[in-house]
């Protein structure tokens, strides 16, 4: 790999971004995830879909 193609590959990786959350919001993801789990569990229990 030449220096030019390595630079293009590095630039392409920087341009292709998903727009997802930053690394510092992982606690927020955990809180929202567990909140969703609790809400779904409450819904399933109220509807009577538990086994």
PDB file of N, CA and C in Angstrom:
ATOM      1  N   UNK A   1       0.852  -1.167   0.000  1.00  0.00           N
ATOM      2  CA  UNK A   1       0.000   0.000   0.000  1.00  0.00           C
ATOM      3  C   UNK A   1       0.900   1.233   0.000  1.00  0.00           C
ATOM      4  N   UNK A   2       0.614   2.109  -0.901  1.00  0.00           N
ATOM      5  CA  UNK A   2       1.413   3.325  -0.980  1.00  0.00           C
ATOM      6  C   UNK A   2       0.931   4.340   0.049  1.00  0.00           C
ATOM      7  N   UNK A   3       1.695   5.360   0.240  1.00  0.00           N
ATOM      8  CA  UNK A   3       1.331   6.395   1.201  1.00  0.00           C
ATOM      9  C   UNK A   3       0.065   7.127   0.746  1.00  0.00           C
ATOM     10  N   UNK A   4      -0.051   7.295  -0.561  1.00  0.00           N
ATOM     11  CA  UNK A   4      -1.228   7.987  -1.093  1.00  0.00           C
ATOM     12  C   UNK A   4      -2.507   7.181  -0.840  1.00  0.00           C
ATOM     13  N   UNK A   5      -2.457   5.867  -1.126  1.00  0.00           N
ATOM     14  CA  UNK A   5      -3.657   5.052  -0.924  1.00  0.00           C
ATOM     15  C   UNK A   5      -3.964   4.894   0.571  1.00  0.00           C
ATOM     16  N   UNK A   6      -2.936   4.884   1.410  1.00  0.00           N
ATOM     17  CA  UNK A   6      -3.166   4.819   2.852  1.00  0.00           C
ATOM     18  C   UNK A   6      -3.852   6.094   3.345  1.00  0.00           C
ATOM     19  N   UNK A   7      -3.453   7.222   2.812  1.00  0.00           N
ATOM     20  CA  UNK A   7      -4.064   8.488   3.198  1.00  0.00           C
ATOM     21  C   UNK A   7      -5.521   8.544   2.737  1.00  0.00           C
ATOM     22  N   UNK A   8      -5.801   8.040   1.534  1.00  0.00           N
ATOM     23  CA  UNK A   8      -7.178   8.015   1.039  1.00  0.00           C
ATOM     24  C   UNK A   8      -8.053   7.090   1.872  1.00  0.00           C
ATOM     25  N   UNK A   9      -7.502   5.949   2.260  1.00  0.00           N
ATOM     26  CA  UNK A   9      -8.253   5.014   3.092  1.00  0.00           C
ATOM     27  C   UNK A   9      -8.573   5.635   4.439  1.00  0.00           C
ATOM     28  N   UNK A  10      -7.604   6.323   5.026  1.00  0.00           N
ATOM     29  CA  UNK A  10      -7.825   6.978   6.313  1.00  0.00           C
ATOM     30  C   UNK A  10      -8.863   8.079   6.183  1.00  0.00           C
ATOM     31  N   UNK A  11      -8.804   8.841   5.118  1.00  0.00           N
ATOM     32  CA  UNK A  11      -9.772   9.921   4.901  1.00  0.00           C
ATOM     33  C   UNK A  11     -11.170   9.358   4.691  1.00  0.00           C
ATOM     34  N   UNK A  12     -11.287   8.264   3.965  1.00  0.00           N
ATOM     35  CA  UNK A  12     -12.584   7.643   3.710  1.00  0.00           C
ATOM     36  C   UNK A  12     -13.200   7.139   5.015  1.00  0.00           C
ATOM     37  N   UNK A  13     -12.382   6.575   5.888  1.00  0.00           N
ATOM     38  CA  UNK A  13     -12.905   6.102   7.174  1.00  0.00           C
ATOM     39  C   UNK A  13     -13.435   7.256   8.010  1.00  0.00           C
ATOM     40  N   UNK A  14     -12.778   8.406   7.937  1.00  0.00           N
ATOM     41  CA  UNK A  14     -13.226   9.556   8.707  1.00  0.00           C
ATOM     42  C   UNK A  14     -14.509  10.158   8.134  1.00  0.00           C
ATOM     43  N   UNK A  15     -14.714  10.046   6.829  1.00  0.00           N
ATOM     44  CA  UNK A  15     -15.896  10.614   6.195  1.00  0.00           C
ATOM     45  C   UNK A  15     -17.139   9.758   6.415  1.00  0.00           C
ATOM     46  N   UNK A  16     -16.956   8.445   6.523  1.00  0.00           N
ATOM     47  CA  UNK A  16     -18.085   7.539   6.673  1.00  0.00           C
ATOM     48  C   UNK A  16     -18.409   7.434   8.156  1.00  0.00           C
ATOM     49  N   UNK A  17     -19.420   8.161   8.573  1.00  0.00           N
ATOM     50  CA  UNK A  17     -19.850   8.179   9.975  1.00  0.00           C
ATOM     51  C   UNK A  17     -21.311   7.796  10.033  1.00  0.00           C
ATOM     52  N   UNK A  18     -21.712   7.117  11.086  1.00  0.00           N
ATOM     53  CA  UNK A  18     -23.104   6.697  11.210  1.00  0.00           C
ATOM     54  C   UNK A  18     -23.966   7.756  11.865  1.00  0.00           C
ATOM     55  N   UNK A  19     -23.368   8.700  12.556  1.00  0.00           N
ATOM     56  CA  UNK A  19     -24.137   9.709  13.239  1.00  0.00           C
ATOM     57  C   UNK A  19     -24.709   9.227  14.555  1.00  0.00           C
ATOM     58  N   UNK A  20     -24.194   8.106  15.057  1.00  0.00           N
ATOM     59  CA  UNK A  20     -24.675   7.547  16.314  1.00  0.00           C
ATOM     60  C   UNK A  20     -24.207   8.373  17.501  1.00  0.00           C
ATOM     61  N   UNK A  21     -24.598   7.951  18.700  1.00  0.00           N
ATOM     62  CA  UNK A  21     -24.219   8.701  19.901  1.00  0.00           C
ATOM     63  C   UNK A  21     -22.713   8.656  20.142  1.00  0.00           C
ATOM     64  N   UNK A  22     -22.237   9.638  20.828  1.00  0.00           N
ATOM     65  CA  UNK A  22     -20.811   9.705  21.150  1.00  0.00           C
ATOM     66  C   UNK A  22     -20.486   8.719  22.258  1.00  0.00           C
ATOM     67  N   UNK A  23     -19.208   8.498  22.499  1.00  0.00           N
ATOM     68  CA  UNK A  23     -18.783   7.526  23.504  1.00  0.00           C
ATOM     69  C   UNK A  23     -19.165   7.942  24.925  1.00  0.00           C
ATOM     70  N   UNK A  24     -19.322   9.232  25.172  1.00  0.00           N
ATOM     71  CA  UNK A  24     -19.578   9.699  26.527  1.00  0.00           C
ATOM     72  C   UNK A  24     -21.025   9.530  26.958  1.00  0.00           C
ATOM     73  N   UNK A  25     -21.910   9.044  26.097  1.00  0.00           N
ATOM     74  CA  UNK A  25     -23.319   8.894  26.460  1.00  0.00           C
ATOM     75  C   UNK A  25     -23.678   7.431  26.720  1.00  0.00           C
ATOM     76  N   UNK A  26     -22.704   6.592  27.045  1.00  0.00           N
ATOM     77  CA  UNK A  26     -23.006   5.175  27.245  1.00  0.00           C
ATOM     78  C   UNK A  26     -23.906   4.965  28.458  1.00  0.00           C
ATOM     79  N   UNK A  27     -23.766   5.788  29.498  1.00  0.00           N
ATOM     80  CA  UNK A  27     -24.644   5.643  30.672  1.00  0.00           C
ATOM     81  C   UNK A  27     -26.088   5.943  30.301  1.00  0.00           C
ATOM     82  N   UNK A  28     -26.288   6.910  29.405  1.00  0.00           N
ATOM     83  CA  UNK A  28     -27.634   7.242  28.955  1.00  0.00           C
ATOM     84  C   UNK A  28     -28.248   6.075  28.177  1.00  0.00           C
ATOM     85  N   UNK A  29     -27.449   5.416  27.362  1.00  0.00           N
ATOM     86  CA  UNK A  29     -27.932   4.258  26.619  1.00  0.00           C
ATOM     87  C   UNK A  29     -28.347   3.144  27.562  1.00  0.00           C
ATOM     88  N   UNK A  30     -27.579   2.912  28.617  1.00  0.00           N
ATOM     89  CA  UNK A  30     -27.909   1.880  29.595  1.00  0.00           C
ATOM     90  C   UNK A  30     -29.206   2.209  30.319  1.00  0.00           C
ATOM     91  N   UNK A  31     -29.353   3.453  30.731  1.00  0.00           N
ATOM     92  CA  UNK A  31     -30.564   3.861  31.450  1.00  0.00           C
ATOM     93  C   UNK A  31     -31.784   3.720  30.545  1.00  0.00           C
ATOM     94  N   UNK A  32     -31.677   4.195  29.315  1.00  0.00           N
ATOM     95  CA  UNK A  32     -32.809   4.093  28.394  1.00  0.00           C
ATOM     96  C   UNK A  32     -33.115   2.639  28.042  1.00  0.00           C
ATOM     97  N   UNK A  33     -32.094   1.831  27.900  1.00  0.00           N
ATOM     98  CA  UNK A  33     -32.296   0.410  27.601  1.00  0.00           C
ATOM     99  C   UNK A  33     -33.023  -0.307  28.712  1.00  0.00           C
ATOM    100  N   UNK A  34     -32.590  -0.080  29.956  1.00  0.00           N
ATOM    101  CA  UNK A  34     -33.249  -0.737  31.084  1.00  0.00           C
ATOM    102  C   UNK A  34     -34.653  -0.190  31.301  1.00  0.00           C
ATOM    103  N   UNK A  35     -34.856   1.081  31.012  1.00  0.00           N
ATOM    104  CA  UNK A  35     -36.202   1.643  31.108  1.00  0.00           C
ATOM    105  C   UNK A  35     -37.126   0.957  30.110  1.00  0.00           C
ATOM    106  N   UNK A  36     -36.640   0.729  28.909  1.00  0.00           N
ATOM    107  CA  UNK A  36     -37.437   0.022  27.904  1.00  0.00           C
ATOM    108  C   UNK A  36     -37.754  -1.396  28.356  1.00  0.00           C
ATOM    109  N   UNK A  37     -36.792  -2.079  28.948  1.00  0.00           N
ATOM    110  CA  UNK A  37     -37.019  -3.442  29.439  1.00  0.00           C
ATOM    111  C   UNK A  37     -38.116  -3.456  30.492  1.00  0.00           C
ATOM    112  N   UNK A  38     -38.065  -2.510  31.426  1.00  0.00           N
ATOM    113  CA  UNK A  38     -39.066  -2.453  32.492  1.00  0.00           C
ATOM    114  C   UNK A  38     -40.441  -2.130  31.926  1.00  0.00           C
ATOM    115  N   UNK A  39     -40.514  -1.200  30.993  1.00  0.00           N
ATOM    116  CA  UNK A  39     -41.803  -0.829  30.406  1.00  0.00           C
ATOM    117  C   UNK A  39     -42.409  -2.005  29.643  1.00  0.00           C
ATOM    118  N   UNK A  40     -41.609  -2.720  28.891  1.00  0.00           N
ATOM    119  CA  UNK A  40     -42.112  -3.886  28.154  1.00  0.00           C
ATOM    120  C   UNK A  40     -42.566  -4.968  29.121  1.00  0.00           C
ATOM    121  N   UNK A  41     -41.799  -5.188  30.193  1.00  0.00           N
ATOM    122  CA  UNK A  41     -42.192  -6.197  31.185  1.00  0.00           C
ATOM    123  C   UNK A  41     -43.502  -5.819  31.857  1.00  0.00           C
ATOM    124  N   UNK A  42     -43.682  -4.549  32.170  1.00  0.00           N
ATOM    125  CA  UNK A  42     -44.941  -4.110  32.782  1.00  0.00           C
ATOM    126  C   UNK A  42     -46.104  -4.302  31.810  1.00  0.00           C
ATOM    127  N   UNK A  43     -45.897  -3.979  30.548  1.00  0.00           N
ATOM    128  CA  UNK A  43     -46.948  -4.145  29.543  1.00  0.00           C
ATOM    129  C   UNK A  43     -47.330  -5.615  29.382  1.00  0.00           C
ATOM    130  N   UNK A  44     -46.326  -6.484  29.282  1.00  0.00           N
ATOM    131  CA  UNK A  44     -46.579  -7.911  29.101  1.00  0.00           C
ATOM    132  C   UNK A  44     -47.329  -8.469  30.314  1.00  0.00           C
ATOM    133  N   UNK A  45     -46.956  -8.025  31.507  1.00  0.00           N
ATOM    134  CA  UNK A  45     -47.636  -8.491  32.706  1.00  0.00           C
ATOM    135  C   UNK A  45     -49.078  -8.010  32.746  1.00  0.00           C
ATOM    136  N   UNK A  46     -49.335  -6.772  32.384  1.00  0.00           N
ATOM    137  CA  UNK A  46     -50.687  -6.230  32.421  1.00  0.00           C
ATOM    138  C   UNK A  46     -51.598  -6.887  31.378  1.00  0.00           C
ATOM    139  N   UNK A  47     -51.037  -7.193  30.219  1.00  0.00           N
ATOM    140  CA  UNK A  47     -51.834  -7.799  29.149  1.00  0.00           C
ATOM    141  C   UNK A  47     -52.084  -9.272  29.427  1.00  0.00           C
ATOM    142  N   UNK A  48     -51.177  -9.903  30.145  1.00  0.00           N
ATOM    143  CA  UNK A  48     -51.340 -11.320  30.477  1.00  0.00           C
ATOM    144  C   UNK A  48     -50.623 -12.235  29.514  1.00  0.00           C
ATOM    145  N   UNK A  49     -49.598 -11.745  28.844  1.00  0.00           N
ATOM    146  CA  UNK A  49     -48.851 -12.551  27.895  1.00  0.00           C
ATOM    147  C   UNK A  49     -47.719 -13.344  28.539  1.00  0.00           C
ATOM    148  N   UNK A  50     -47.595 -13.293  29.856  1.00  0.00           N
ATOM    149  CA  UNK A  50     -46.504 -14.032  30.501  1.00  0.00           C
ATOM    150  C   UNK A  50     -46.840 -15.520  30.507  1.00  0.00           C
ATOM    151  N   UNK A  51     -45.822 -16.311  30.638  1.00  0.00           N
ATOM    152  CA  UNK A  51     -45.991 -17.776  30.536  1.00  0.00           C
ATOM    153  C   UNK A  51     -46.119 -18.409  31.900  1.00  0.00           C
TER     154      UNK A  51
END
